Amino acid sequence: MTTATDALLRVEKGNAAPEELAAITAILLARAAATPEETPVGVPRQAGWRRLERTPGFRAPHSWQG
């Protein structure tokens, strides 16, 4: 016997047919089982920090570097 609290999915608004619940369950399980592609670990081409003595002393308020 299953109760409302034991359900895997819950419809918040509207009425979902059993076929619709089965379809969304299959999609969610397929996405959960998919393994993400490993991205190659490389050396960054640019340093993650900047030298403050090389930056101008004033930046305009509309500057993208703000």
C-alpha atoms as a PDB file:
ATOM      1  CA  MET A   1       0.000   0.000   0.000  1.00  0.00           C
ATOM      2  CA  THR A   2       1.460   3.348  -1.034  1.00  0.00           C
ATOM      3  CA  THR A   3       0.420   6.663   0.375  1.00  0.00           C
ATOM      4  CA  ALA A   4       0.785  10.168  -1.011  1.00  0.00           C
ATOM      5  CA  THR A   5       4.025  10.662   0.932  1.00  0.00           C
ATOM      6  CA  ASP A   6       5.560   7.507  -0.604  1.00  0.00           C
ATOM      7  CA  ALA A   7       5.114   8.714  -4.200  1.00  0.00           C
ATOM      8  CA  LEU A   8       8.214   9.370  -6.268  1.00  0.00           C
ATOM      9  CA  LEU A   9       6.592  12.249  -8.156  1.00  0.00           C
ATOM     10  CA  ARG A  10       3.834  14.603  -7.142  1.00  0.00           C
ATOM     11  CA  VAL A  11       1.678  16.695  -9.465  1.00  0.00           C
ATOM     12  CA  GLU A  12       1.419  20.179  -8.003  1.00  0.00           C
ATOM     13  CA  LYS A  13      -1.111  21.608 -10.420  1.00  0.00           C
ATOM     14  CA  GLY A  14      -3.407  19.928 -12.930  1.00  0.00           C
ATOM     15  CA  ASN A  15      -3.948  16.254 -13.636  1.00  0.00           C
ATOM     16  CA  ALA A  16      -1.184  14.174 -15.170  1.00  0.00           C
ATOM     17  CA  ALA A  17      -1.991  10.933 -16.914  1.00  0.00           C
ATOM     18  CA  PRO A  18      -0.008   7.829 -15.957  1.00  0.00           C
ATOM     19  CA  GLU A  19       1.677   7.927 -19.390  1.00  0.00           C
ATOM     20  CA  GLU A  20       2.859  11.489 -18.768  1.00  0.00           C
ATOM     21  CA  LEU A  21       4.260  10.559 -15.364  1.00  0.00           C
ATOM     22  CA  ALA A  22       6.014   7.555 -16.904  1.00  0.00           C
ATOM     23  CA  ALA A  23       7.532   9.740 -19.630  1.00  0.00           C
ATOM     24  CA  ILE A  24       8.884  12.365 -17.240  1.00  0.00           C
ATOM     25  CA  THR A  25      10.194   9.645 -14.922  1.00  0.00           C
ATOM     26  CA  ALA A  26      12.056   8.022 -17.828  1.00  0.00           C
ATOM     27  CA  ILE A  27      13.579  11.355 -18.814  1.00  0.00           C
ATOM     28  CA  LEU A  28      14.691  12.164 -15.268  1.00  0.00           C
ATOM     29  CA  LEU A  29      16.186   8.715 -14.741  1.00  0.00           C
ATOM     30  CA  ALA A  30      18.033   8.883 -18.071  1.00  0.00           C
ATOM     31  CA  ARG A  31      19.504  12.272 -17.179  1.00  0.00           C
ATOM     32  CA  ALA A  32      20.530  11.030 -13.732  1.00  0.00           C
ATOM     33  CA  ALA A  33      22.229   7.968 -15.223  1.00  0.00           C
ATOM     34  CA  ALA A  34      24.116   9.918 -17.885  1.00  0.00           C
ATOM     35  CA  THR A  35      27.783  10.373 -17.130  1.00  0.00           C
ATOM     36  CA  PRO A  36      29.127  13.851 -17.740  1.00  0.00           C
ATOM     37  CA  GLU A  37      31.940  14.172 -20.215  1.00  0.00           C
ATOM     38  CA  GLU A  38      35.258  14.774 -18.567  1.00  0.00           C
ATOM     39  CA  THR A  39      36.789  18.048 -19.578  1.00  0.00           C
ATOM     40  CA  PRO A  40      40.534  17.986 -20.124  1.00  0.00           C
ATOM     41  CA  VAL A  41      42.432  19.739 -17.400  1.00  0.00           C
ATOM     42  CA  GLY A  42      44.655  22.295 -19.014  1.00  0.00           C
ATOM     43  CA  VAL A  43      46.892  25.096 -17.961  1.00  0.00           C
ATOM     44  CA  PRO A  44      45.109  28.440 -18.163  1.00  0.00           C
ATOM     45  CA  ARG A  45      46.609  30.841 -20.649  1.00  0.00           C
ATOM     46  CA  GLN A  46      46.060  33.875 -18.483  1.00  0.00           C
ATOM     47  CA  ALA A  47      46.663  34.409 -14.801  1.00  0.00           C
ATOM     48  CA  GLY A  48      43.621  34.534 -12.562  1.00  0.00           C
ATOM     49  CA  TRP A  49      44.955  37.601 -10.808  1.00  0.00           C
ATOM     50  CA  ARG A  50      46.045  40.998 -12.041  1.00  0.00           C
ATOM     51  CA  ARG A  51      48.812  43.351 -11.073  1.00  0.00           C
ATOM     52  CA  LEU A  52      47.199  46.429  -9.622  1.00  0.00           C
ATOM     53  CA  GLU A  53      50.216  48.629 -10.315  1.00  0.00           C
ATOM     54  CA  ARG A  54      49.634  48.123 -14.054  1.00  0.00           C
ATOM     55  CA  THR A  55      46.028  49.291 -13.969  1.00  0.00           C
ATOM     56  CA  PRO A  56      45.117  52.944 -14.356  1.00  0.00           C
ATOM     57  CA  GLY A  57      44.193  54.741 -11.166  1.00  0.00           C
ATOM     58  CA  PHE A  58      40.767  55.837 -12.355  1.00  0.00           C
ATOM     59  CA  ARG A  59      38.042  53.831 -14.021  1.00  0.00           C
ATOM     60  CA  ALA A  60      34.971  55.506 -15.407  1.00  0.00           C
ATOM     61  CA  PRO A  61      31.686  54.570 -13.682  1.00  0.00           C
ATOM     62  CA  HIS A  62      30.387  53.057 -16.930  1.00  0.00           C
ATOM     63  CA  SER A  63      33.517  50.986 -17.497  1.00  0.00           C
ATOM     64  CA  TRP A  64      33.103  47.243 -18.045  1.00  0.00           C
ATOM     65  CA  GLN A  65      36.126  46.604 -15.802  1.00  0.00           C
ATOM     66  CA  GLY A  66      34.437  48.021 -12.682  1.00  0.00           C
END
